[in-house]
Protein backbone atom coordinates (compact mmCIF):
# COMPACT_ATOMS: atom_id res chain seq x y z
CA UNK A 1 -45.97 200.32 -116.60
CA UNK A 2 -49.52 199.25 -117.07
CA UNK A 3 -50.87 197.29 -114.02
CA UNK A 4 -54.47 196.08 -115.34
CA UNK A 5 -57.58 194.43 -112.51
CA UNK A 6 -60.40 193.16 -114.17
CA UNK A 7 -63.18 192.85 -112.15
CA UNK A 8 -66.65 191.12 -112.71
CA UNK A 9 -69.96 192.00 -110.99
CA UNK A 10 -73.32 191.94 -110.40
CA UNK A 11 -75.49 194.15 -107.96
CA UNK A 12 -71.95 195.13 -106.12
CA UNK A 13 -72.35 199.47 -106.19
CA UNK A 14 -72.34 199.57 -102.60
CA UNK A 15 -68.92 198.01 -102.48
CA UNK A 16 -67.39 199.50 -106.10
CA UNK A 17 -65.85 202.86 -104.86
CA UNK A 18 -63.74 201.28 -101.82
CA UNK A 19 -62.47 198.51 -104.22
CA UNK A 20 -61.41 200.58 -106.66
CA UNK A 21 -60.08 203.19 -104.61
CA UNK A 22 -57.87 200.93 -102.32
CA UNK A 23 -56.74 199.29 -106.04
CA UNK A 24 -55.61 202.58 -107.66
CA UNK A 25 -53.80 203.77 -104.30
CA UNK A 26 -51.72 201.09 -104.58
CA UNK A 27 -50.55 201.26 -108.33
CA UNK A 28 -53.23 199.86 -110.09
CA UNK A 29 -53.54 202.30 -113.53
CA UNK A 30 -56.26 200.25 -115.67
CA UNK A 31 -59.74 198.46 -114.70
CA UNK A 32 -61.24 196.53 -117.28
CA UNK A 33 -64.28 195.96 -115.32
CA UNK A 34 -67.95 193.80 -116.74
CA UNK A 35 -70.93 194.16 -115.85
CA UNK A 36 -74.44 191.43 -115.47
CA UNK A 37 -78.34 191.77 -115.14
CA UNK A 38 -77.31 194.64 -112.54
CA UNK A 39 -80.99 196.00 -110.63
CA UNK A 40 -79.04 198.15 -108.17
CA UNK A 41 -77.04 200.78 -109.80
CA UNK A 42 -73.94 198.79 -110.64
CA UNK A 43 -74.28 199.42 -114.38
CA UNK A 44 -75.19 203.20 -113.91
CA UNK A 45 -72.58 203.75 -111.39
CA UNK A 46 -69.70 202.37 -113.98
CA UNK A 47 -70.86 203.95 -116.62
CA UNK A 48 -70.42 207.56 -114.41
CA UNK A 49 -66.42 205.89 -113.84
CA UNK A 50 -66.17 205.55 -117.16
CA UNK A 51 -66.96 209.06 -118.26
CA UNK A 52 -64.50 210.12 -115.45
CA UNK A 53 -61.75 208.29 -116.49
CA UNK A 54 -61.66 205.70 -113.34
CA UNK A 55 -62.09 202.41 -115.30
CA UNK A 56 -63.35 201.10 -119.04
CA UNK A 57 -67.01 199.76 -118.88
CA UNK A 58 -68.33 196.33 -120.65
CA UNK A 59 -71.73 195.18 -120.13
CA UNK A 60 -71.60 191.20 -120.32
CA UNK A 61 -75.67 190.73 -119.77
CA UNK A 62 -76.96 186.92 -120.28
CA UNK A 63 -77.95 184.31 -120.70
CA UNK A 64 -74.59 183.06 -120.29
CA UNK A 65 -73.83 179.03 -120.53
CA UNK A 66 -71.14 178.58 -118.28
CA UNK A 67 -71.96 181.27 -116.00
CA UNK A 68 -71.03 185.12 -116.59
CA UNK A 69 -67.73 185.15 -115.33
CA UNK A 70 -66.63 182.87 -117.63
CA UNK A 71 -68.27 184.97 -120.54
CA UNK A 72 -66.51 187.87 -118.74
CA UNK A 73 -62.97 186.16 -119.28
CA UNK A 74 -63.41 185.86 -123.10
CA UNK A 75 -64.98 189.30 -123.64
CA UNK A 76 -61.97 190.33 -121.36
CA UNK A 77 -59.24 188.19 -123.03
CA UNK A 78 -60.40 189.86 -126.35
CA UNK A 79 -60.15 193.41 -124.99
CA UNK A 80 -57.52 196.02 -126.09
CA UNK A 81 -57.06 196.82 -122.48
CA UNK A 82 -55.46 193.44 -121.97
CA UNK A 83 -53.45 193.20 -124.98
CA UNK A 84 -51.59 196.70 -123.91
CA UNK A 85 -51.03 196.15 -119.92
CA UNK A 86 -47.81 194.61 -119.08
CA UNK A 87 -48.76 193.56 -115.91
CA UNK A 88 -52.68 191.54 -115.16
CA UNK A 89 -54.86 190.48 -112.21
CA UNK A 90 -58.09 188.72 -112.73
CA UNK A 91 -60.11 189.54 -108.64
CA UNK A 92 -63.51 189.76 -107.38
CA UNK A 93 -64.93 192.18 -106.08
CA UNK A 94 -64.29 191.08 -102.20
CA UNK A 95 -61.00 190.92 -103.26
CA UNK A 96 -58.19 193.24 -101.78
CA UNK A 97 -54.66 192.78 -103.51
CA UNK A 98 -52.80 194.02 -99.37
CA UNK A 99 -48.81 194.44 -100.16
CA UNK A 100 -46.83 194.63 -96.95
CA UNK A 101 -43.46 195.38 -99.24
CA UNK A 102 -42.25 198.65 -98.37
CA UNK A 103 -44.79 201.40 -99.38
CA UNK A 104 -47.49 198.69 -100.13
CA UNK A 105 -47.19 199.55 -103.68
CA UNK A 106 -47.22 197.17 -107.10
CA UNK A 107 -44.20 198.57 -107.93
CA UNK A 108 -42.40 197.60 -104.15
CA UNK A 109 -43.63 194.21 -104.85
CA UNK A 110 -42.34 194.27 -107.93
CA UNK A 111 -38.98 195.43 -107.29
CA UNK A 112 -38.38 192.19 -104.12
CA UNK A 113 -39.67 190.13 -106.77
CA UNK A 114 -37.88 191.20 -110.11
CA UNK A 115 -37.25 188.01 -111.65
CA UNK A 116 -40.96 187.05 -111.47
CA UNK A 117 -43.58 186.55 -114.56
CA UNK A 118 -46.14 185.42 -111.87
CA UNK A 119 -47.01 185.87 -108.37
CA UNK A 120 -49.82 183.81 -106.46
CA UNK A 121 -51.84 185.87 -104.30
CA UNK A 122 -52.71 183.57 -101.64
CA UNK A 123 -56.26 184.23 -100.02
CA UNK A 124 -56.21 185.02 -96.66
CA UNK A 125 -59.89 184.25 -95.38
CA UNK A 126 -61.77 187.43 -93.60
CA UNK A 127 -64.76 186.08 -91.46
CA UNK A 128 -67.67 187.53 -90.41
CA UNK A 129 -66.91 187.87 -87.36
CA UNK A 130 -70.43 187.96 -85.78
CA UNK A 131 -71.91 191.04 -87.88
CA UNK A 132 -75.08 190.40 -88.67
CA UNK A 133 -76.09 194.04 -90.51
CA UNK A 134 -74.28 195.40 -93.33
CA UNK A 135 -73.62 199.04 -92.77
CA UNK A 136 -72.14 201.42 -95.43
CA UNK A 137 -68.86 201.56 -94.13
CA UNK A 138 -65.47 200.85 -95.39
CA UNK A 139 -65.47 197.06 -95.63
CA UNK A 140 -61.41 196.68 -95.11
CA UNK A 141 -62.23 198.35 -91.21
CA UNK A 142 -65.28 196.27 -90.49
CA UNK A 143 -63.90 193.01 -90.83
CA UNK A 144 -60.99 192.51 -89.02
CA UNK A 145 -60.78 188.62 -88.15
CA UNK A 146 -58.96 186.36 -90.05
CA UNK A 147 -58.24 182.65 -90.75
CA UNK A 148 -54.59 181.88 -89.77
CA UNK A 149 -51.54 182.51 -91.44
CA UNK A 150 -50.90 178.87 -91.29
CA UNK A 151 -53.65 176.25 -92.07
CA UNK A 152 -53.66 172.74 -93.38
CA UNK A 153 -56.89 172.95 -94.31
CA UNK A 154 -59.80 173.60 -96.31
CA UNK A 155 -58.06 174.20 -99.35
CA UNK A 156 -59.58 177.72 -100.57
CA UNK A 157 -56.97 178.85 -97.34
CA UNK A 158 -54.19 178.08 -100.10
CA UNK A 159 -56.15 179.30 -103.03
CA UNK A 160 -55.25 181.98 -104.86
CA UNK A 161 -55.27 184.59 -108.31
CA UNK A 162 -52.95 185.76 -110.25
CA UNK A 163 -50.73 189.02 -110.70
CA UNK A 164 -48.88 187.84 -113.87
CA UNK A 165 -46.66 189.70 -116.99
CA UNK A 166 -48.44 190.36 -119.93
CA UNK A 167 -45.85 189.12 -122.33
CA UNK A 168 -47.21 186.87 -124.27
CA UNK A 169 -46.32 183.55 -122.10
CA UNK A 170 -50.18 182.94 -121.88
CA UNK A 171 -52.71 184.46 -124.08
CA UNK A 172 -56.10 184.24 -121.62
CA UNK A 173 -57.66 185.31 -118.68
CA UNK A 174 -58.49 182.42 -115.34
CA UNK A 175 -60.56 182.84 -113.03
CA UNK A 176 -57.47 182.13 -110.71
CA UNK A 177 -54.62 182.15 -112.84
CA UNK A 178 -53.64 182.97 -116.48
CA UNK A 179 -54.70 180.28 -119.30
CA UNK A 180 -53.73 179.22 -123.13
CA UNK A 181 -49.96 178.97 -122.08
CA UNK A 182 -47.22 179.42 -125.12
CA UNK A 183 -45.81 175.47 -124.65
CA UNK A 184 -42.85 177.20 -126.74
CA UNK A 185 -42.14 179.46 -123.99
CA UNK A 186 -42.94 177.59 -120.77
CA UNK A 187 -39.15 177.45 -119.52
CA UNK A 188 -39.68 181.20 -119.07
CA UNK A 189 -42.05 181.34 -116.89
CA UNK A 190 -40.82 181.78 -113.34
CA UNK A 191 -43.54 181.87 -110.56
CA UNK A 192 -43.03 183.06 -106.45
CA UNK A 193 -45.41 182.56 -103.66
CA UNK A 194 -46.60 185.50 -101.56
CA UNK A 195 -43.80 184.75 -99.44
CA UNK A 196 -41.08 185.34 -102.55
CA UNK A 197 -40.44 181.35 -102.63
CA UNK A 198 -40.04 180.33 -105.88
CA UNK A 199 -42.71 177.45 -107.93
CA UNK A 200 -42.08 174.31 -109.48
CA UNK A 201 -43.20 173.95 -113.08
CA UNK A 202 -46.61 172.60 -111.42
CA UNK A 203 -47.57 176.14 -111.74
CA UNK A 204 -46.80 176.70 -114.99
CA UNK A 205 -49.76 175.48 -116.50
CA UNK A 206 -52.99 174.56 -114.54
CA UNK A 207 -52.21 174.45 -110.47
CA UNK A 208 -54.63 177.20 -108.63
CA UNK A 209 -53.38 176.18 -104.72
CA UNK A 210 -50.26 176.74 -103.09
CA UNK A 211 -48.38 174.30 -100.61
CA UNK A 212 -50.76 173.71 -96.98
CA UNK A 213 -49.16 174.20 -93.83
CA UNK A 214 -46.97 177.57 -94.53
CA UNK A 215 -47.29 180.98 -94.51
CA UNK A 216 -47.86 182.58 -97.96
CA UNK A 217 -48.27 186.15 -96.88
CA UNK A 218 -44.67 187.51 -95.90
CA UNK A 219 -44.66 189.76 -98.97
CA UNK A 220 -48.60 190.37 -100.28
CA UNK A 221 -51.56 188.25 -99.57
CA UNK A 222 -55.15 188.49 -100.91
CA UNK A 223 -57.38 189.36 -98.22
CA UNK A 224 -60.93 187.52 -99.17
CA UNK A 225 -64.22 189.14 -97.91
CA UNK A 226 -66.19 186.30 -98.97
CA UNK A 227 -68.68 186.23 -96.31
CA UNK A 228 -69.32 189.99 -94.86
CA UNK A 229 -72.59 190.88 -92.66
CA UNK A 230 -74.73 188.10 -92.55
CA UNK A 231 -77.85 190.05 -94.44
CA UNK A 232 -75.23 190.69 -97.47
CA UNK A 233 -74.13 186.84 -97.66
CA UNK A 234 -77.68 186.21 -97.45
CA UNK A 235 -78.30 188.72 -100.64
CA UNK A 236 -74.93 187.13 -102.23
CA UNK A 237 -76.67 183.66 -101.76
CA UNK A 238 -79.68 184.61 -103.39
CA UNK A 239 -77.72 186.05 -106.43
CA UNK A 240 -75.76 182.47 -106.96
CA UNK A 241 -72.04 182.21 -107.99
CA UNK A 242 -70.11 183.86 -110.82
CA UNK A 243 -68.01 180.82 -111.74
CA UNK A 244 -70.11 178.30 -110.87
CA UNK A 245 -73.81 178.69 -111.58
CA UNK A 246 -75.17 175.03 -110.93
CA UNK A 247 -74.08 175.56 -107.17
CA UNK A 248 -75.41 176.92 -104.14
CA UNK A 249 -74.35 179.27 -101.85
CA UNK A 250 -75.20 177.99 -98.49
CA UNK A 251 -73.46 176.53 -95.19
CA UNK A 252 -70.66 174.70 -96.79
CA UNK A 253 -69.96 178.10 -98.19
CA UNK A 254 -69.71 180.16 -95.14
CA UNK A 255 -68.66 177.07 -92.88
CA UNK A 256 -65.29 176.75 -94.97
CA UNK A 257 -64.85 180.90 -94.79
CA UNK A 258 -66.02 181.76 -91.84
CA UNK A 259 -62.18 182.07 -89.90
CA UNK A 260 -62.09 184.45 -87.34
CA UNK A 261 -58.96 183.53 -85.15
CA UNK A 262 -57.07 185.98 -85.68
CA UNK A 263 -56.43 190.10 -85.88
CA UNK A 264 -55.02 191.94 -88.97
CA UNK A 265 -55.05 195.21 -89.79
CA UNK A 266 -52.04 194.73 -91.96
CA UNK A 267 -54.10 196.78 -94.85
CA UNK A 268 -54.82 199.80 -92.77
CA UNK A 269 -51.08 201.00 -94.01
CA UNK A 270 -52.12 202.11 -97.24
CA UNK A 271 -55.54 203.44 -95.56
CA UNK A 272 -54.26 206.86 -96.44
CA UNK A 273 -54.22 207.17 -99.41
CA UNK A 274 -56.83 204.82 -99.87
CA UNK A 275 -59.09 207.43 -98.12
CA UNK A 276 -57.96 209.82 -100.03
CA UNK A 277 -59.24 208.14 -103.55
CA UNK A 278 -62.38 207.60 -101.64
CA UNK A 279 -63.37 210.64 -101.23
CA UNK A 280 -62.32 212.25 -104.67
CA UNK A 281 -64.95 209.84 -105.62
CA UNK A 282 -67.54 210.30 -103.21
CA UNK A 283 -67.04 214.88 -104.12
CA UNK A 284 -68.60 213.87 -107.49
CA UNK A 285 -72.58 214.40 -106.99
CA UNK A 286 -73.98 212.32 -109.61
CA UNK A 287 -71.35 209.10 -108.51
CA UNK A 288 -72.16 209.92 -104.85
CA UNK A 289 -75.95 209.86 -105.50
CA UNK A 290 -75.81 206.15 -107.28
CA UNK A 291 -73.84 204.96 -104.25
CA UNK A 292 -76.99 205.69 -101.83
CA UNK A 293 -79.31 203.85 -104.40
CA UNK A 294 -77.23 201.09 -104.36
CA UNK A 295 -76.89 201.02 -100.17
CA UNK A 296 -80.88 201.62 -100.25
CA UNK A 297 -81.05 199.11 -103.15
CA UNK A 298 -79.93 196.67 -100.58
CA UNK A 299 -81.45 196.93 -97.13
CA UNK A 300 -84.89 196.70 -99.55
CA UNK A 301 -83.55 193.96 -101.02
CA UNK A 302 -82.78 191.78 -97.64
CA UNK A 303 -86.56 192.98 -96.55
CA UNK A 304 -87.91 190.93 -99.90
CA UNK A 305 -85.62 187.93 -99.37
CA UNK A 306 -86.74 187.78 -95.62
CA UNK A 307 -90.36 186.18 -97.50
CA UNK A 308 -88.75 183.39 -98.69
CA UNK A 309 -88.59 180.51 -96.46
CA UNK A 310 -85.35 179.09 -97.81
CA UNK A 311 -83.29 182.25 -97.08
CA UNK A 312 -85.16 183.50 -94.18
CA UNK A 313 -83.75 179.60 -93.01
CA UNK A 314 -80.40 180.21 -93.69
CA UNK A 315 -80.21 184.14 -92.42
CA UNK A 316 -81.49 182.30 -89.22
CA UNK A 317 -78.84 179.43 -89.96
CA UNK A 318 -76.27 182.02 -90.13
CA UNK A 319 -77.04 183.52 -86.59
CA UNK A 320 -76.66 179.96 -84.92
CA UNK A 321 -73.50 178.78 -85.82
CA UNK A 322 -70.38 179.72 -84.12
CA UNK A 323 -67.34 180.75 -86.48
CA UNK A 324 -65.29 177.67 -87.73
CA UNK A 325 -62.77 176.50 -85.94
CA UNK A 326 -59.60 175.21 -87.64
CA UNK A 327 -58.29 171.85 -87.86
CA UNK A 328 -55.20 170.85 -86.22
CA UNK A 329 -52.21 169.66 -87.84
CA UNK A 330 -53.27 166.06 -86.82
CA UNK A 331 -57.01 166.52 -88.30
CA UNK A 332 -55.64 168.01 -91.79
CA UNK A 333 -53.22 165.82 -92.40
CA UNK A 334 -56.49 163.32 -92.78
CA UNK A 335 -58.50 165.05 -94.65
CA UNK A 336 -55.41 165.27 -97.32
CA UNK A 337 -54.43 161.86 -96.91
CA UNK A 338 -57.76 161.02 -97.67
CA UNK A 339 -57.71 163.92 -101.17
CA UNK A 340 -54.76 162.42 -102.40
CA UNK A 341 -56.01 158.96 -102.46
CA UNK A 342 -58.96 159.66 -104.49
CA UNK A 343 -56.41 161.51 -106.46
CA UNK A 344 -54.59 159.09 -107.25
CA UNK A 345 -57.69 156.80 -107.42
CA UNK A 346 -59.06 158.41 -110.15
CA UNK A 347 -55.91 158.46 -112.01
CA UNK A 348 -54.98 154.79 -112.39
């Protein structure tokens, strides 16, 4: 069985080895990584990892009409690795698949859902927890405070990425879900959420979020470390979004993701194998050198950005702002009510 993870990156070499080690540890067999316009050692690190047989690197230089991620998706959908894969997931560098079944592997997840053609990997938002400075330590160990298991809003708390069977039912990759379904075969689709519940036909075509006010994580969740340290967030804001290049990253993005109410160390269940894989990667001298270059670049880049007033002000606001407070069920219901009303008005 071949499991393919598709990843797009820019200036993220400092986080790459942990991400690869984790996803190799849980059973991904192939990695297709597309990089664009890197200033740190990301592209050179990917070339070295390709030499070592760990992944396939495809450069994706700009300009990009709709953002680098959409161009990357087109390239990945046409790549031979996509055609050869049995199961596929489109992931980001700040997303870690966290499986709660048996040994935490992809094989165990599929054994629990043998009829699935697609499984929604719902985001669990991991907050910043007041960490200011970037450190060269595993993200999965640094950030362990997360959103509650059950939330009613914001809507991104129920958004998902998709692990899907690559049998021709869907022809192309999307950011959150497979696209271009074979209309004649949609009756074959069997979608399940991260708690093992079967999902309706709305998920077969376009839906990108699960239902609110329920636990979507009993079998699998997607740990989403969207913020990181405050210094790292400043670099992320300066870089811009991958799929919505026209939208800035500022305090609204931060506030809707900085939930720290719950302690969640569940990903530590696969830490021994992840650590073994990471130690193997770090033992490669050229790779270790490239990692150190990436760490130094991040620290140098932050100092450069602090000479710019908008980003300096953003950094100050991050330190001023406490973690987000989850809305009560009553408040969430009010927000969702207005959202449903607006959607109904738009379709009239």
